[in-house]
Structure formats: C-alpha cells, structure tokens
Amino acid sequence: MAALVIAEHDHASLKASTLNTVTAALACGEVHVLVAGADAQGAAKEAAQVAGVAKVILADSASLADHLAENVAAQVLAIAPNYSHILFPATANGKNVAPRVAARLDVAQISDITKVVSADTFERSIYAGNAIATVQSSDATKVITVRTTGFDAAAKEGGSASVENVSGVADTGKSTFVGREVTKSERPELTAAKIIVSGGRALGSSEKFQEVMAPLADKLGAGLAASRAAVDAGYAPNDWQVGQTGKIVAPQLYIAAGISGAIQHLAGMKDSKVIVAINKDPEAPIFSVADYGLEADLFSAIPELAAYL
C-alpha cells in the first residue's frame, strides 16, 4: 500500500513543510499527496510536480476553505483505508488534525519522527533531544507527524504525477471559522529561513532587542528569533520563539547572541548547519553545540559585525 502525505498549503501553492514530509514518506513506499482545500488547483498542480510523488488527490470543497481540523480529518478518513501510512508535517495544523485521525482509526500516533528506519520503525527525539527513541508499530495504518528539520526537502520539480479529483466532505458542523489574525513581516518565516539571528534575555529590553539585533538580521536577510526567556520577559513576540516549546528550525546559519543554551532552546535549533554563538560567559552551554564561538559582549560584537557586512 501507499503512503499519504497531507499537504500544507494556502490553496494557491504548497508550504515548504510538505516537501520535507514527502521525503519522509518516500522511505515508506509509493507517495500520494492529499490537497484538501477550496479552489486549490494551484497547490495540486504544484504538488504534482514534486519529485517522487506518484499521485495527487484534490479534494476541493467550501468546507475545507479554512482548514478546520474536524473537516480536514474527515476528508483524510474518507480515503484512509487505501493507505498504510498517513503522514502530516509536525506543524500547528498537522498536530491539530493527526490525533483526530489516529483516534478515529483506533491506532497510536507516532509523533515528531526524525528518521524512517523501515516501514514500521521510526526514530523520534525525547527528553528535549537528549535521547533518541526507536519506535516500532504493528498498527495496520501508521499515523505519523514528521519533524520537518529531520528530512531534506523534496525537489519542487521533476515529478509528473496525475491529479485525481475526489468529492470534498460536507461540513461536520463541529467548529466554525471566526477569523484569522496573521502576523505580517518582510523577514522570512523562521521555519523556512536560511539564516536566523536569535537573541536572548541578556538584551535587557524590547528596545535593545530591536536596536541591536534587527540591523544584523536586515543586512543578512535573516529571520529574527528569540529564546523563551526573552519572549517571557516581553522582549520579543511569541511567534519568534525557538525551542522545545517554540519553533523547531534548521537554517544554514544560526547566530545566537546572549543565549546561554538551555536544553529547551538547543532542542529547537541544534540541527542548524552552522551555529555561531556570541556570549560573554565562557561557560555558557551554547558553546558546546556552536561551530564558531565568540566570547564577547553582544552589545559591541553585534553592531561591529553588522558594520562589516
């Protein structure tokens, strides 16, 4: 049987997390992609071009326009009997829908996998990434969420999958879309950014955070992030938080300034390709994972670095 990837999209195009999930699914068997939305032909066409995808299933219905978890879960369940694996990106949407599907199928969800060992065996991190658990499932249908930073993105081009249209499910009536408040920024989204500049509680205030960190991020075209301590102190908004209780990122370059390196923060960024740490405490744990470390006061080091760029 095949593996089904539940695509994340904005109806017109796919989100990057779908490509990483496709890579994970390829290790499980033939890959089909479900695009559930309204007027989502653009996203379906894009999915059909992804390398490795054998078939795209397009469920186009007004009930799926707002990605309500109950309706999307019902759509997945309508075609679930055809698949041995159902994979979701481990994003807010994926984590909202996957447990509903697993519960209705009466199977155990396998969460946040970082590696596919075989069709029934997977690896996932536990204890804030300090240990790796190998999980084997005998369930007939494996419902899986995929930590996208654990897998390379599938190529956006090179595929030639067919697109099959299926009837969209009726509205379950269990929830109603009220509204959406979207944070808009000219900087790249953290989970897709190639470079991230991140600040910690040592910055001291939201004003200093912007004054010191923003110019460097702007010159690098980087996403701006923060530790939980900085967010809790009110120096940065919640959607900038990186760590176990924030966003999991793996950019090409991660610059951590004034971040001590608590295990909760490291769990969210230690898969970054190159890590640069700037901290005046030589014993800071962040230096243990850094590729390059600078023992310096960030209030002088960051402006100097920005000035050189």
C-alpha atoms as a PDB file:
ATOM      1  CA  MET A   1       0.000   0.000   0.000  1.00  0.00           C
ATOM      2  CA  ALA A   2       0.995   3.607  -0.477  1.00  0.00           C
ATOM      3  CA  ALA A   3       1.837   6.427   1.897  1.00  0.00           C
ATOM      4  CA  LEU A   4      -0.385   9.502   2.022  1.00  0.00           C
ATOM      5  CA  VAL A   5       1.051  12.962   2.720  1.00  0.00           C
ATOM      6  CA  ILE A   6      -1.388  15.603   3.926  1.00  0.00           C
ATOM      7  CA  ALA A   7      -0.243  18.773   2.172  1.00  0.00           C
ATOM      8  CA  GLU A   8       0.038  22.115   3.891  1.00  0.00           C
ATOM      9  CA  HIS A   9      -0.842  24.908   1.505  1.00  0.00           C
ATOM     10  CA  ASP A  10      -2.511  28.274   1.066  1.00  0.00           C
ATOM     11  CA  HIS A  11      -4.706  26.920  -1.764  1.00  0.00           C
ATOM     12  CA  ALA A  12      -2.512  28.566  -4.404  1.00  0.00           C
ATOM     13  CA  SER A  13       0.813  26.933  -3.507  1.00  0.00           C
ATOM     14  CA  LEU A  14       2.415  24.376  -1.218  1.00  0.00           C
ATOM     15  CA  LYS A  15       4.167  25.264   2.015  1.00  0.00           C
ATOM     16  CA  ALA A  16       7.763  24.135   2.457  1.00  0.00           C
ATOM     17  CA  SER A  17       6.883  21.662   5.228  1.00  0.00           C
ATOM     18  CA  THR A  18       5.085  19.487   2.672  1.00  0.00           C
ATOM     19  CA  LEU A  19       8.314  18.882   0.757  1.00  0.00           C
ATOM     20  CA  ASN A  20      10.128  17.592   3.848  1.00  0.00           C
ATOM     21  CA  THR A  21       7.192  15.328   4.648  1.00  0.00           C
ATOM     22  CA  VAL A  22       7.286  13.892   1.125  1.00  0.00           C
ATOM     23  CA  THR A  23      10.933  12.909   1.679  1.00  0.00           C
ATOM     24  CA  ALA A  24       9.946  11.034   4.843  1.00  0.00           C
ATOM     25  CA  ALA A  25       7.058   9.342   3.036  1.00  0.00           C
ATOM     26  CA  LEU A  26       9.309   8.128   0.221  1.00  0.00           C
ATOM     27  CA  ALA A  27      11.021   5.855   2.743  1.00  0.00           C
ATOM     28  CA  CYS A  28       7.640   4.252   3.469  1.00  0.00           C
ATOM     29  CA  GLY A  29       6.508   3.421  -0.068  1.00  0.00           C
ATOM     30  CA  GLU A  30       4.767   4.997  -3.041  1.00  0.00           C
ATOM     31  CA  VAL A  31       3.771   8.559  -2.199  1.00  0.00           C
ATOM     32  CA  HIS A  32       0.384  10.146  -2.767  1.00  0.00           C
ATOM     33  CA  VAL A  33      -0.414  13.702  -1.675  1.00  0.00           C
ATOM     34  CA  LEU A  34      -3.804  14.919  -0.468  1.00  0.00           C
ATOM     35  CA  VAL A  35      -4.538  18.576  -1.189  1.00  0.00           C
ATOM     36  CA  ALA A  36      -7.665  19.455   0.786  1.00  0.00           C
ATOM     37  CA  GLY A  37      -8.884  22.991   0.205  1.00  0.00           C
ATOM     38  CA  ALA A  38     -11.114  25.319  -1.780  1.00  0.00           C
ATOM     39  CA  ASP A  39     -10.072  26.460  -5.269  1.00  0.00           C
ATOM     40  CA  ALA A  40      -6.797  24.683  -4.577  1.00  0.00           C
ATOM     41  CA  GLN A  41      -5.946  23.674  -8.129  1.00  0.00           C
ATOM     42  CA  GLY A  42      -2.762  25.741  -7.932  1.00  0.00           C
ATOM     43  CA  ALA A  43      -1.490  23.817  -4.912  1.00  0.00           C
ATOM     44  CA  ALA A  44      -2.457  20.500  -6.535  1.00  0.00           C
ATOM     45  CA  LYS A  45      -0.594  21.362  -9.724  1.00  0.00           C
ATOM     46  CA  GLU A  46       2.483  22.278  -7.700  1.00  0.00           C
ATOM     47  CA  ALA A  47       2.243  19.027  -5.726  1.00  0.00           C
ATOM     48  CA  ALA A  48       2.105  17.035  -8.957  1.00  0.00           C
ATOM     49  CA  GLN A  49       5.487  18.442  -9.960  1.00  0.00           C
ATOM     50  CA  VAL A  50       7.244  17.410  -6.729  1.00  0.00           C
ATOM     51  CA  ALA A  51       9.863  14.741  -7.332  1.00  0.00           C
ATOM     52  CA  GLY A  52       8.806  11.330  -6.050  1.00  0.00           C
ATOM     53  CA  VAL A  53       5.064  11.979  -5.887  1.00  0.00           C
ATOM     54  CA  ALA A  54       3.086   9.328  -7.776  1.00  0.00           C
ATOM     55  CA  LYS A  55      -0.421  10.779  -7.427  1.00  0.00           C
ATOM     56  CA  VAL A  56      -2.130  13.899  -6.132  1.00  0.00           C
ATOM     57  CA  ILE A  57      -5.642  13.726  -4.699  1.00  0.00           C
ATOM     58  CA  LEU A  58      -7.503  17.020  -4.836  1.00  0.00           C
ATOM     59  CA  ALA A  59     -10.475  17.442  -2.521  1.00  0.00           C
ATOM     60  CA  ASP A  60     -11.997  20.802  -3.398  1.00  0.00           C
ATOM     61  CA  SER A  61     -14.839  21.971  -1.195  1.00  0.00           C
ATOM     62  CA  ALA A  62     -16.017  25.111   0.583  1.00  0.00           C
ATOM     63  CA  SER A  63     -15.958  23.089   3.822  1.00  0.00           C
ATOM     64  CA  LEU A  64     -12.172  22.850   3.504  1.00  0.00           C
ATOM     65  CA  ALA A  65     -11.514  26.523   2.769  1.00  0.00           C
ATOM     66  CA  ASP A  66     -10.391  27.392   6.299  1.00  0.00           C
ATOM     67  CA  HIS A  67      -8.560  24.115   7.103  1.00  0.00           C
ATOM     68  CA  LEU A  68     -10.811  23.385  10.091  1.00  0.00           C
ATOM     69  CA  ALA A  69      -9.312  20.343  11.797  1.00  0.00           C
ATOM     70  CA  GLU A  70     -12.591  18.426  12.045  1.00  0.00           C
ATOM     71  CA  ASN A  71     -13.331  18.783   8.338  1.00  0.00           C
ATOM     72  CA  VAL A  72      -9.785  18.014   7.193  1.00  0.00           C
ATOM     73  CA  ALA A  73      -9.710  14.933   9.445  1.00  0.00           C
ATOM     74  CA  ALA A  74     -12.999  13.743   7.929  1.00  0.00           C
ATOM     75  CA  GLN A  75     -11.515  14.172   4.451  1.00  0.00           C
ATOM     76  CA  VAL A  76      -8.431  12.156   5.397  1.00  0.00           C
ATOM     77  CA  LEU A  77     -10.572   9.418   6.941  1.00  0.00           C
ATOM     78  CA  ALA A  78     -12.638   9.170   3.754  1.00  0.00           C
ATOM     79  CA  ILE A  79      -9.609   7.850   1.858  1.00  0.00           C
ATOM     80  CA  ALA A  80      -7.571   6.406   4.747  1.00  0.00           C
ATOM     81  CA  PRO A  81      -8.425   2.726   4.026  1.00  0.00           C
ATOM     82  CA  ASN A  82      -6.291   2.947   0.879  1.00  0.00           C
ATOM     83  CA  TYR A  83      -3.091   3.718   2.774  1.00  0.00           C
ATOM     84  CA  SER A  84      -0.680   2.031   5.152  1.00  0.00           C
ATOM     85  CA  HIS A  85       0.951   5.301   6.230  1.00  0.00           C
ATOM     86  CA  ILE A  86      -0.589   8.752   6.701  1.00  0.00           C
ATOM     87  CA  LEU A  87       1.958  11.500   7.262  1.00  0.00           C
ATOM     88  CA  PHE A  88       1.466  15.075   8.447  1.00  0.00           C
ATOM     89  CA  PRO A  89       4.061  17.815   8.912  1.00  0.00           C
ATOM     90  CA  ALA A  90       4.582  18.378  12.657  1.00  0.00           C
ATOM     91  CA  THR A  91       3.242  21.918  12.408  1.00  0.00           C
ATOM     92  CA  ALA A  92       0.337  23.546  14.225  1.00  0.00           C
ATOM     93  CA  ASN A  93      -2.089  22.326  11.558  1.00  0.00           C
ATOM     94  CA  GLY A  94      -0.621  18.849  11.375  1.00  0.00           C
ATOM     95  CA  LYS A  95      -0.664  18.436  15.148  1.00  0.00           C
ATOM     96  CA  ASN A  96      -4.299  19.555  15.154  1.00  0.00           C
ATOM     97  CA  VAL A  97      -5.523  17.042  12.580  1.00  0.00           C
ATOM     98  CA  ALA A  98      -3.321  13.955  13.085  1.00  0.00           C
ATOM     99  CA  PRO A  99      -4.596  12.984  16.587  1.00  0.00           C
ATOM    100  CA  ARG A 100      -8.195  13.139  15.359  1.00  0.00           C
ATOM    101  CA  VAL A 101      -7.356  10.777  12.502  1.00  0.00           C
ATOM    102  CA  ALA A 102      -5.430   8.396  14.767  1.00  0.00           C
ATOM    103  CA  ALA A 103      -8.237   8.303  17.319  1.00  0.00           C
ATOM    104  CA  ARG A 104     -10.891   7.538  14.720  1.00  0.00           C
ATOM    105  CA  LEU A 105      -8.704   4.782  13.247  1.00  0.00           C
ATOM    106  CA  ASP A 106      -8.019   3.488  16.776  1.00  0.00           C
ATOM    107  CA  VAL A 107      -4.254   3.495  16.275  1.00  0.00           C
ATOM    108  CA  ALA A 108      -1.355   5.034  18.175  1.00  0.00           C
ATOM    109  CA  GLN A 109       0.008   8.216  16.661  1.00  0.00           C
ATOM    110  CA  ILE A 110       3.762   8.261  16.056  1.00  0.00           C
ATOM    111  CA  SER A 111       4.806  11.834  16.729  1.00  0.00           C
ATOM    112  CA  ASP A 112       7.595  14.055  15.506  1.00  0.00           C
ATOM    113  CA  ILE A 113       9.716  11.462  13.732  1.00  0.00           C
ATOM    114  CA  THR A 114      13.225  12.379  12.603  1.00  0.00           C
ATOM    115  CA  LYS A 115      14.098   9.192  10.702  1.00  0.00           C
ATOM    116  CA  VAL A 116      12.371   6.307   8.937  1.00  0.00           C
ATOM    117  CA  VAL A 117      14.272   3.110   9.775  1.00  0.00           C
ATOM    118  CA  SER A 118      11.847   0.828   7.966  1.00  0.00           C
ATOM    119  CA  ALA A 119       8.171   0.757   7.043  1.00  0.00           C
ATOM    120  CA  ASP A 120       7.175   0.019  10.650  1.00  0.00           C
ATOM    121  CA  THR A 121      10.101   1.506  12.617  1.00  0.00           C
ATOM    122  CA  PHE A 122      10.885   5.159  13.223  1.00  0.00           C
ATOM    123  CA  GLU A 123      13.141   7.383  15.301  1.00  0.00           C
ATOM    124  CA  ARG A 124      11.991  10.360  17.344  1.00  0.00           C
ATOM    125  CA  SER A 125      13.771  12.559  19.865  1.00  0.00           C
ATOM    126  CA  ILE A 126      12.764  12.605  23.540  1.00  0.00           C
ATOM    127  CA  TYR A 127      13.928  14.480  26.642  1.00  0.00           C
ATOM    128  CA  ALA A 128      14.414  17.734  24.716  1.00  0.00           C
ATOM    129  CA  GLY A 129      16.521  15.968  22.118  1.00  0.00           C
ATOM    130  CA  ASN A 130      18.920  14.379  24.614  1.00  0.00           C
ATOM    131  CA  ALA A 131      17.851  10.860  23.666  1.00  0.00           C
ATOM    132  CA  ILE A 132      16.543   9.161  20.537  1.00  0.00           C
ATOM    133  CA  ALA A 133      13.708   6.649  20.857  1.00  0.00           C
ATOM    134  CA  THR A 134      13.250   3.938  18.228  1.00  0.00           C
ATOM    135  CA  VAL A 135       9.544   3.195  17.881  1.00  0.00           C
ATOM    136  CA  GLN A 136       8.075   0.160  16.141  1.00  0.00           C
ATOM    137  CA  SER A 137       4.380  -0.005  15.295  1.00  0.00           C
ATOM    138  CA  SER A 138       2.267  -3.043  14.416  1.00  0.00           C
ATOM    139  CA  ASP A 139      -0.809  -0.935  13.593  1.00  0.00           C
ATOM    140  CA  ALA A 140      -2.272  -1.572  10.175  1.00  0.00           C
ATOM    141  CA  THR A 141      -2.256   2.154   9.496  1.00  0.00           C
ATOM    142  CA  LYS A 142       0.594   4.311  10.765  1.00  0.00           C
ATOM    143  CA  VAL A 143      -0.442   7.890  11.549  1.00  0.00           C
ATOM    144  CA  ILE A 144       2.741   9.937  11.705  1.00  0.00           C
ATOM    145  CA  THR A 145       3.788  13.541  12.246  1.00  0.00           C
ATOM    146  CA  VAL A 146       7.135  14.486  10.724  1.00  0.00           C
ATOM    147  CA  ARG A 147       9.672  16.865  12.241  1.00  0.00           C
ATOM    148  CA  THR A 148      10.489  18.705   9.059  1.00  0.00           C
ATOM    149  CA  THR A 149      14.006  19.674  10.130  1.00  0.00           C
ATOM    150  CA  GLY A 150      14.894  15.967  10.229  1.00  0.00           C
ATOM    151  CA  PHE A 151      14.416  15.499   6.480  1.00  0.00           C
ATOM    152  CA  ASP A 152      15.693  17.282   3.394  1.00  0.00           C
ATOM    153  CA  ALA A 153      13.070  18.916   1.217  1.00  0.00           C
ATOM    154  CA  ALA A 154      11.996  17.001  -1.871  1.00  0.00           C
ATOM    155  CA  ALA A 155      12.735  18.723  -5.166  1.00  0.00           C
ATOM    156  CA  LYS A 156       9.893  21.020  -6.212  1.00  0.00           C
ATOM    157  CA  GLU A 157      10.290  19.963  -9.833  1.00  0.00           C
ATOM    158  CA  GLY A 158      10.947  16.718 -11.600  1.00  0.00           C
ATOM    159  CA  GLY A 159       7.688  14.918 -10.900  1.00  0.00           C
ATOM    160  CA  SER A 160       4.767  14.310 -13.246  1.00  0.00           C
ATOM    161  CA  ALA A 161       2.047  12.914 -11.009  1.00  0.00           C
ATOM    162  CA  SER A 162      -1.554  12.617 -12.077  1.00  0.00           C
ATOM    163  CA  VAL A 163      -4.193  14.686 -10.268  1.00  0.00           C
ATOM    164  CA  GLU A 164      -7.319  12.838  -9.161  1.00  0.00           C
ATOM    165  CA  ASN A 165     -10.361  14.829  -8.074  1.00  0.00           C
ATOM    166  CA  VAL A 166     -12.461  13.457  -5.211  1.00  0.00           C
ATOM    167  CA  SER A 167     -15.582  14.796  -3.589  1.00  0.00           C
ATOM    168  CA  GLY A 168     -14.965  17.072  -0.643  1.00  0.00           C
ATOM    169  CA  VAL A 169     -16.612  16.132   2.627  1.00  0.00           C
ATOM    170  CA  ALA A 170     -19.582  18.014   3.966  1.00  0.00           C
ATOM    171  CA  ASP A 171     -19.068  20.423   6.845  1.00  0.00           C
ATOM    172  CA  THR A 172     -19.112  18.433  10.084  1.00  0.00           C
ATOM    173  CA  GLY A 173     -20.625  21.392  11.907  1.00  0.00           C
ATOM    174  CA  LYS A 174     -18.374  20.781  14.908  1.00  0.00           C
ATOM    175  CA  SER A 175     -16.475  24.047  14.611  1.00  0.00           C
ATOM    176  CA  THR A 176     -16.891  27.404  12.929  1.00  0.00           C
ATOM    177  CA  PHE A 177     -14.268  29.681  11.456  1.00  0.00           C
ATOM    178  CA  VAL A 178     -14.445  33.057  13.195  1.00  0.00           C
ATOM    179  CA  GLY A 179     -11.385  34.955  11.995  1.00  0.00           C
ATOM    180  CA  ARG A 180      -7.660  34.919  11.488  1.00  0.00           C
ATOM    181  CA  GLU A 181      -5.037  37.386  12.627  1.00  0.00           C
ATOM    182  CA  VAL A 182      -1.841  36.935  10.653  1.00  0.00           C
ATOM    183  CA  THR A 183       1.459  38.478  11.643  1.00  0.00           C
ATOM    184  CA  LYS A 184       2.968  40.065   8.545  1.00  0.00           C
ATOM    185  CA  SER A 185       6.697  40.603   8.232  1.00  0.00           C
ATOM    186  CA  GLU A 186       9.114  41.345   5.441  1.00  0.00           C
ATOM    187  CA  ARG A 187      11.549  38.929   7.062  1.00  0.00           C
ATOM    188  CA  PRO A 188      11.396  35.234   6.127  1.00  0.00           C
ATOM    189  CA  GLU A 189       9.323  32.830   8.214  1.00  0.00           C
ATOM    190  CA  LEU A 190      11.540  31.157  10.795  1.00  0.00           C
ATOM    191  CA  THR A 191      10.800  27.573   9.776  1.00  0.00           C
ATOM    192  CA  ALA A 192      11.787  28.386   6.166  1.00  0.00           C
ATOM    193  CA  ALA A 193      14.590  30.917   6.766  1.00  0.00           C
ATOM    194  CA  LYS A 194      18.092  30.038   5.570  1.00  0.00           C
ATOM    195  CA  ILE A 195      19.653  32.421   8.109  1.00  0.00           C
ATOM    196  CA  ILE A 196      18.338  33.172  11.603  1.00  0.00           C
ATOM    197  CA  VAL A 197      19.582  35.787  14.055  1.00  0.00           C
ATOM    198  CA  SER A 198      18.420  34.979  17.582  1.00  0.00           C
ATOM    199  CA  GLY A 199      18.641  36.965  20.810  1.00  0.00           C
ATOM    200  CA  GLY A 200      18.314  36.083  24.471  1.00  0.00           C
ATOM    201  CA  ARG A 201      17.381  37.643  27.783  1.00  0.00           C
ATOM    202  CA  ALA A 202      20.788  39.342  28.007  1.00  0.00           C
ATOM    203  CA  LEU A 203      19.496  42.018  25.618  1.00  0.00           C
ATOM    204  CA  GLY A 204      17.591  43.523  28.528  1.00  0.00           C
ATOM    205  CA  SER A 205      14.610  45.131  26.801  1.00  0.00           C
ATOM    206  CA  SER A 206      12.483  45.028  23.674  1.00  0.00           C
ATOM    207  CA  GLU A 207      14.002  48.339  22.582  1.00  0.00           C
ATOM    208  CA  LYS A 208      17.539  46.955  22.825  1.00  0.00           C
ATOM    209  CA  PHE A 209      16.422  43.784  21.061  1.00  0.00           C
ATOM    210  CA  GLN A 210      15.305  45.785  18.051  1.00  0.00           C
ATOM    211  CA  GLU A 211      18.198  48.238  18.220  1.00  0.00           C
ATOM    212  CA  VAL A 212      20.918  45.589  18.372  1.00  0.00           C
ATOM    213  CA  MET A 213      19.534  42.525  16.570  1.00  0.00           C
ATOM    214  CA  ALA A 214      17.339  43.976  13.809  1.00  0.00           C
ATOM    215  CA  PRO A 215      20.123  45.711  11.802  1.00  0.00           C
ATOM    216  CA  LEU A 216      22.125  42.472  11.597  1.00  0.00           C
ATOM    217  CA  ALA A 217      19.061  40.478  10.567  1.00  0.00           C
ATOM    218  CA  ASP A 218      18.179  43.051   7.915  1.00  0.00           C
ATOM    219  CA  LYS A 219      21.682  43.017   6.400  1.00  0.00           C
ATOM    220  CA  LEU A 220      21.713  39.221   6.259  1.00  0.00           C
ATOM    221  CA  GLY A 221      18.137  38.916   5.021  1.00  0.00           C
ATOM    222  CA  ALA A 222      17.604  36.725   8.055  1.00  0.00           C
ATOM    223  CA  GLY A 223      14.689  35.723  10.223  1.00  0.00           C
ATOM    224  CA  LEU A 224      14.649  37.244  13.691  1.00  0.00           C
ATOM    225  CA  ALA A 225      14.197  34.833  16.610  1.00  0.00           C
ATOM    226  CA  ALA A 226      14.408  34.744  20.389  1.00  0.00           C
ATOM    227  CA  SER A 227      14.854  32.374  23.295  1.00  0.00           C
ATOM    228  CA  ARG A 228      11.925  31.576  25.561  1.00  0.00           C
ATOM    229  CA  ALA A 229      13.475  33.686  28.324  1.00  0.00           C
ATOM    230  CA  ALA A 230      13.480  36.711  26.015  1.00  0.00           C
ATOM    231  CA  VAL A 231       9.896  36.076  24.949  1.00  0.00           C
ATOM    232  CA  ASP A 232       8.708  35.569  28.529  1.00  0.00           C
ATOM    233  CA  ALA A 233      10.397  38.835  29.501  1.00  0.00           C
ATOM    234  CA  GLY A 234       8.465  40.641  26.773  1.00  0.00           C
ATOM    235  CA  TYR A 235      11.482  41.464  24.605  1.00  0.00           C
ATOM    236  CA  ALA A 236      10.126  39.632  21.550  1.00  0.00           C
ATOM    237  CA  PRO A 237       6.736  38.322  20.331  1.00  0.00           C
ATOM    238  CA  ASN A 238       5.745  34.720  20.915  1.00  0.00           C
ATOM    239  CA  ASP A 239       5.989  33.738  17.251  1.00  0.00           C
ATOM    240  CA  TRP A 240       9.736  34.444  17.343  1.00  0.00           C
ATOM    241  CA  GLN A 241      10.381  31.805  19.998  1.00  0.00           C
ATOM    242  CA  VAL A 242      12.723  28.965  19.084  1.00  0.00           C
ATOM    243  CA  GLY A 243      12.992  25.893  21.276  1.00  0.00           C
ATOM    244  CA  GLN A 244      11.182  22.879  22.637  1.00  0.00           C
ATOM    245  CA  THR A 245       8.044  24.939  23.336  1.00  0.00           C
ATOM    246  CA  GLY A 246       8.550  27.192  20.308  1.00  0.00           C
ATOM    247  CA  LYS A 247       9.557  26.613  16.705  1.00  0.00           C
ATOM    248  CA  ILE A 248      11.946  23.915  15.536  1.00  0.00           C
ATOM    249  CA  VAL A 249      14.356  25.352  12.977  1.00  0.00           C
ATOM    250  CA  ALA A 250      17.345  24.144  10.983  1.00  0.00           C
ATOM    251  CA  PRO A 251      18.691  27.042   8.898  1.00  0.00           C
ATOM    252  CA  GLN A 252      22.005  27.115   7.057  1.00  0.00           C
ATOM    253  CA  LEU A 253      23.263  29.665   9.612  1.00  0.00           C
ATOM    254  CA  TYR A 254      22.011  30.294  13.170  1.00  0.00           C
ATOM    255  CA  ILE A 255      23.516  33.206  15.101  1.00  0.00           C
ATOM    256  CA  ALA A 256      22.755  33.044  18.837  1.00  0.00           C
ATOM    257  CA  ALA A 257      23.549  36.211  20.785  1.00  0.00           C
ATOM    258  CA  GLY A 258      23.145  36.438  24.536  1.00  0.00           C
ATOM    259  CA  ILE A 259      21.608  32.953  24.711  1.00  0.00           C
ATOM    260  CA  SER A 260      23.020  30.680  27.394  1.00  0.00           C
ATOM    261  CA  GLY A 261      21.953  27.470  25.675  1.00  0.00           C
ATOM    262  CA  ALA A 262      19.399  25.772  27.919  1.00  0.00           C
ATOM    263  CA  ILE A 263      18.495  22.297  26.638  1.00  0.00           C
ATOM    264  CA  GLN A 264      14.989  23.512  25.778  1.00  0.00           C
ATOM    265  CA  HIS A 265      16.440  26.074  23.378  1.00  0.00           C
ATOM    266  CA  LEU A 266      19.014  23.682  21.931  1.00  0.00           C
ATOM    267  CA  ALA A 267      16.220  21.222  21.120  1.00  0.00           C
ATOM    268  CA  GLY A 268      14.819  23.776  18.684  1.00  0.00           C
ATOM    269  CA  MET A 269      17.973  24.759  16.776  1.00  0.00           C
ATOM    270  CA  LYS A 270      20.765  22.244  17.195  1.00  0.00           C
ATOM    271  CA  ASP A 271      20.126  20.771  13.728  1.00  0.00           C
ATOM    272  CA  SER A 272      21.226  24.080  12.155  1.00  0.00           C
ATOM    273  CA  LYS A 273      24.011  23.556   9.629  1.00  0.00           C
ATOM    274  CA  VAL A 274      26.323  26.230  11.116  1.00  0.00           C
ATOM    275  CA  ILE A 275      25.854  27.666  14.617  1.00  0.00           C
ATOM    276  CA  VAL A 276      27.555  30.867  15.728  1.00  0.00           C
ATOM    277  CA  ALA A 277      27.387  31.726  19.445  1.00  0.00           C
ATOM    278  CA  ILE A 278      28.159  35.140  20.943  1.00  0.00           C
ATOM    279  CA  ASN A 279      28.227  35.222  24.735  1.00  0.00           C
ATOM    280  CA  LYS A 280      30.459  36.838  27.326  1.00  0.00           C
ATOM    281  CA  ASP A 281      30.174  33.794  29.622  1.00  0.00           C
ATOM    282  CA  PRO A 282      32.836  31.267  28.567  1.00  0.00           C
ATOM    283  CA  GLU A 283      30.957  28.503  30.413  1.00  0.00           C
ATOM    284  CA  ALA A 284      27.689  29.054  28.532  1.00  0.00           C
ATOM    285  CA  PRO A 285      26.315  25.694  27.269  1.00  0.00           C
ATOM    286  CA  ILE A 286      25.622  27.206  23.850  1.00  0.00           C
ATOM    287  CA  PHE A 287      29.339  26.948  23.080  1.00  0.00           C
ATOM    288  CA  SER A 288      29.123  23.144  23.309  1.00  0.00           C
ATOM    289  CA  VAL A 289      26.998  22.987  20.152  1.00  0.00           C
ATOM    290  CA  ALA A 290      28.429  26.005  18.334  1.00  0.00           C
ATOM    291  CA  ASP A 291      30.626  25.641  15.262  1.00  0.00           C
ATOM    292  CA  TYR A 292      32.031  29.102  15.959  1.00  0.00           C
ATOM    293  CA  GLY A 293      32.047  30.798  19.343  1.00  0.00           C
ATOM    294  CA  LEU A 294      32.861  34.379  20.241  1.00  0.00           C
ATOM    295  CA  GLU A 295      33.395  35.254  23.892  1.00  0.00           C
ATOM    296  CA  ALA A 296      32.354  38.893  23.776  1.00  0.00           C
ATOM    297  CA  ASP A 297      29.774  41.434  24.839  1.00  0.00           C
ATOM    298  CA  LEU A 298      26.957  41.232  22.300  1.00  0.00           C
ATOM    299  CA  PHE A 299      26.271  44.974  22.589  1.00  0.00           C
ATOM    300  CA  SER A 300      29.610  45.666  20.923  1.00  0.00           C
ATOM    301  CA  ALA A 301      30.077  42.478  18.879  1.00  0.00           C
ATOM    302  CA  ILE A 302      26.738  42.523  17.034  1.00  0.00           C
ATOM    303  CA  PRO A 303      26.984  46.185  15.853  1.00  0.00           C
ATOM    304  CA  GLU A 304      30.579  45.588  14.762  1.00  0.00           C
ATOM    305  CA  LEU A 305      29.523  42.509  12.800  1.00  0.00           C
ATOM    306  CA  ALA A 306      26.675  44.417  11.179  1.00  0.00           C
ATOM    307  CA  ALA A 307      29.029  47.252  10.272  1.00  0.00           C
ATOM    308  CA  TYR A 308      31.350  44.865   8.409  1.00  0.00           C
ATOM    309  CA  LEU A 309      28.520  43.483   6.253  1.00  0.00           C
END
